[in-house]
Amino acid sequence: MDAKKVKVANRIRAIGTIVTLGVLTYALWVSRGHIEHVGYVLGLSDFEARTLFVIIDIPVIIGKLFAGPWFAPTTRREARRLMVTFVLASLALNVTSGFLGGGIGAAAYGALIVFIALWMERLLTKVRPAASVTRAKSDAAKATQTTRRRRAATRRPAKMAKTPALPVPVLHHTEE
């Protein structure tokens, strides 16, 4: 029963991860369009307007990668600063695109895209199984380890019997 809980939790987490990555991809695509729109309004060239999202949205992803627990606190702090700065820039450009292109509704949609992306990304990094599932997984791992130890213990004497004993060197001590 407990092993089933672990499998169900892992499957739900995998499905949630796939759906979240899909939503994040959609949000990046919509944000790209909004940022490109603002670039054209600001008078950027075609190439500059089309690639402006790389300068705005990609640093958020890079910041998220370096904000993980695998890096030093100073690196994580700088990564969070990078993320916050460019999330605010993305939010401003998405809302500005909405105001320029369609009014309050379009601006709210731009803000909604950024907030949903942030919230789902945060959820994706905070997913943890329930204590009962973790306990079940831990108990299953302990049972497996115990079984392995028992098997190893039954094999050890046979291995020891095959290994010849090494002679113990005798040291002669002479007194002078």
Protein backbone atom coordinates (compact mmCIF):
# COMPACT_ATOMS: atom_id res chain seq x y z
CA MET A 1 0.00 0.00 0.00
CA ASP A 2 2.75 2.46 0.95
CA ALA A 3 4.78 1.69 -2.15
CA LYS A 4 1.69 2.60 -4.18
CA LYS A 5 1.59 6.01 -2.50
CA VAL A 6 5.18 6.63 -3.50
CA LYS A 7 4.48 5.65 -7.12
CA VAL A 8 1.34 7.82 -7.24
CA ALA A 9 3.19 10.81 -5.77
CA ASN A 10 6.03 10.39 -8.28
CA ARG A 11 3.59 10.15 -11.21
CA ILE A 12 1.64 13.21 -10.10
CA ARG A 13 4.87 15.15 -9.67
CA ALA A 14 6.00 14.13 -13.18
CA ILE A 15 2.66 15.14 -14.73
CA GLY A 16 2.69 18.43 -12.80
CA THR A 17 6.23 19.13 -13.95
CA ILE A 18 5.33 18.51 -17.60
CA VAL A 19 2.22 20.71 -17.41
CA THR A 20 4.13 23.46 -15.58
CA LEU A 21 6.90 23.41 -18.17
CA GLY A 22 4.25 23.70 -20.89
CA VAL A 23 2.66 26.71 -19.19
CA LEU A 24 6.07 28.30 -18.67
CA THR A 25 6.88 27.80 -22.35
CA TYR A 26 3.57 29.41 -23.31
CA ALA A 27 4.21 32.31 -20.92
CA LEU A 28 7.66 32.83 -22.43
CA TRP A 29 6.16 32.82 -25.92
CA VAL A 30 3.44 35.37 -24.99
CA SER A 31 5.95 37.51 -23.10
CA ARG A 32 8.22 37.44 -26.16
CA GLY A 33 5.39 38.87 -28.27
CA HIS A 34 4.64 41.61 -25.74
CA ILE A 35 8.28 42.59 -25.35
CA GLU A 36 8.73 42.59 -29.13
CA HIS A 37 5.70 44.90 -29.45
CA VAL A 38 7.21 47.39 -27.02
CA GLY A 39 10.51 47.17 -28.89
CA TYR A 40 8.82 48.18 -32.15
CA VAL A 41 6.99 51.04 -30.43
CA LEU A 42 10.30 52.27 -28.99
CA GLY A 43 11.74 52.38 -32.51
CA LEU A 44 14.10 49.43 -32.34
CA SER A 45 15.12 47.74 -35.57
CA ASP A 46 13.41 44.52 -36.60
CA PHE A 47 16.26 42.34 -35.29
CA GLU A 48 16.53 44.29 -32.00
CA ALA A 49 12.78 44.16 -31.33
CA ARG A 50 12.60 40.43 -32.11
CA THR A 51 15.53 39.54 -29.83
CA LEU A 52 14.76 41.94 -26.97
CA PHE A 53 13.07 39.13 -25.01
CA VAL A 54 16.42 37.30 -24.86
CA ILE A 55 17.84 40.23 -22.89
CA ILE A 56 14.76 40.44 -20.64
CA ASP A 57 13.36 36.92 -20.06
CA ILE A 58 16.41 34.65 -20.40
CA PRO A 59 18.26 36.23 -17.42
CA VAL A 60 15.28 35.19 -15.26
CA ILE A 61 15.86 31.57 -16.24
CA ILE A 62 19.61 31.87 -15.67
CA GLY A 63 19.01 33.46 -12.28
CA LYS A 64 16.68 30.61 -11.33
CA LEU A 65 19.30 28.04 -12.27
CA PHE A 66 21.98 29.68 -10.11
CA ALA A 67 19.66 30.29 -7.16
CA GLY A 68 19.64 26.58 -6.30
CA PRO A 69 21.04 25.08 -3.11
CA TRP A 70 24.09 23.74 -4.99
CA PHE A 71 25.73 27.15 -5.10
CA ALA A 72 27.36 29.39 -2.52
CA PRO A 73 25.13 31.88 -0.65
CA THR A 74 26.73 34.83 -2.46
CA THR A 75 25.96 33.23 -5.83
CA ARG A 76 22.38 32.50 -4.81
CA ARG A 77 21.91 36.06 -3.55
CA GLU A 78 23.22 37.53 -6.82
CA ALA A 79 21.05 35.11 -8.82
CA ARG A 80 17.95 36.23 -6.89
CA ARG A 81 18.83 39.87 -7.58
CA LEU A 82 19.17 39.06 -11.27
CA MET A 83 15.81 37.27 -11.25
CA VAL A 84 13.95 40.03 -9.41
CA THR A 85 15.40 42.77 -11.61
CA PHE A 86 14.47 41.09 -14.88
CA VAL A 87 11.10 39.80 -13.65
CA LEU A 88 10.19 43.41 -12.85
CA ALA A 89 11.46 44.50 -16.29
CA SER A 90 9.43 41.73 -17.95
CA LEU A 91 6.35 42.67 -15.94
CA ALA A 92 6.75 46.35 -16.89
CA LEU A 93 7.17 45.54 -20.58
CA ASN A 94 4.26 43.08 -20.64
CA VAL A 95 1.94 45.59 -18.96
CA THR A 96 3.20 48.43 -21.17
CA SER A 97 2.51 46.33 -24.27
CA GLY A 98 -1.02 45.77 -23.01
CA PHE A 99 -1.62 49.48 -22.47
CA LEU A 100 -0.15 50.35 -25.86
CA GLY A 101 -2.08 47.68 -27.72
CA GLY A 102 -5.44 47.29 -26.09
CA GLY A 103 -5.99 49.06 -22.80
CA ILE A 104 -6.48 47.80 -19.28
CA GLY A 105 -7.60 44.27 -20.21
CA ALA A 106 -4.55 43.60 -22.35
CA ALA A 107 -2.29 45.10 -19.68
CA ALA A 108 -3.87 42.86 -17.03
CA TYR A 109 -3.30 39.85 -19.30
CA GLY A 110 0.37 40.78 -19.60
CA ALA A 111 0.68 41.00 -15.83
CA LEU A 112 -1.24 37.73 -15.41
CA ILE A 113 1.17 35.92 -17.75
CA VAL A 114 4.17 37.02 -15.68
CA PHE A 115 2.53 36.19 -12.32
CA ILE A 116 1.33 32.76 -13.44
CA ALA A 117 4.79 31.93 -14.76
CA LEU A 118 6.37 33.00 -11.46
CA TRP A 119 3.84 31.16 -9.32
CA MET A 120 4.02 27.91 -11.27
CA GLU A 121 7.81 28.05 -11.38
CA ARG A 122 7.84 28.55 -7.61
CA LEU A 123 5.49 25.61 -7.12
CA LEU A 124 7.67 23.45 -9.33
CA THR A 125 10.70 24.13 -7.11
CA LYS A 126 8.76 23.68 -3.85
CA VAL A 127 7.07 20.32 -4.59
CA ARG A 128 7.75 17.90 -1.76
CA PRO A 129 5.93 14.64 -1.03
CA ALA A 130 3.82 14.35 2.10
CA ALA A 131 5.45 12.97 5.24
CA SER A 132 3.47 9.72 4.97
CA VAL A 133 4.75 9.19 1.43
CA THR A 134 8.30 10.08 2.42
CA ARG A 135 8.06 7.74 5.38
CA ALA A 136 6.76 4.96 3.13
CA LYS A 137 9.62 5.51 0.71
CA SER A 138 12.09 5.59 3.59
CA ASP A 139 10.63 2.40 5.09
CA ALA A 140 10.81 0.68 1.70
CA ALA A 141 14.45 1.73 1.34
CA LYS A 142 15.25 0.45 4.85
CA ALA A 143 13.55 -2.87 4.10
CA THR A 144 15.59 -3.21 0.92
CA GLN A 145 18.80 -2.39 2.80
CA THR A 146 17.93 -4.89 5.53
CA THR A 147 17.29 -7.60 2.93
CA ARG A 148 20.61 -6.81 1.24
CA ARG A 149 22.44 -6.94 4.57
CA ARG A 150 20.87 -10.29 5.42
CA ARG A 151 21.87 -11.72 2.06
CA ALA A 152 25.38 -10.34 2.42
CA ALA A 153 25.65 -11.77 5.94
CA THR A 154 24.69 -15.24 4.72
CA ARG A 155 27.31 -15.01 1.97
CA ARG A 156 30.15 -13.73 4.14
CA PRO A 157 30.91 -16.93 6.07
CA ALA A 158 31.15 -18.88 2.84
CA LYS A 159 33.59 -16.35 1.43
CA MET A 160 35.61 -16.37 4.64
CA ALA A 161 35.85 -20.15 4.63
CA LYS A 162 37.36 -20.12 1.15
CA THR A 163 39.99 -17.55 2.02
CA PRO A 164 43.02 -19.19 3.61
CA ALA A 165 44.25 -17.66 6.82
CA LEU A 166 47.42 -15.67 6.49
CA PRO A 167 50.33 -16.82 8.61
CA VAL A 168 51.08 -14.58 11.55
CA PRO A 169 54.71 -13.55 11.59
CA VAL A 170 56.56 -14.39 14.77
CA LEU A 171 59.09 -11.85 15.87
CA HIS A 172 62.03 -13.15 17.83
CA HIS A 173 63.35 -10.86 20.40
CA THR A 174 66.77 -11.43 21.79
CA GLU A 175 67.91 -9.85 24.98
CA GLU A 176 71.41 -8.54 25.22
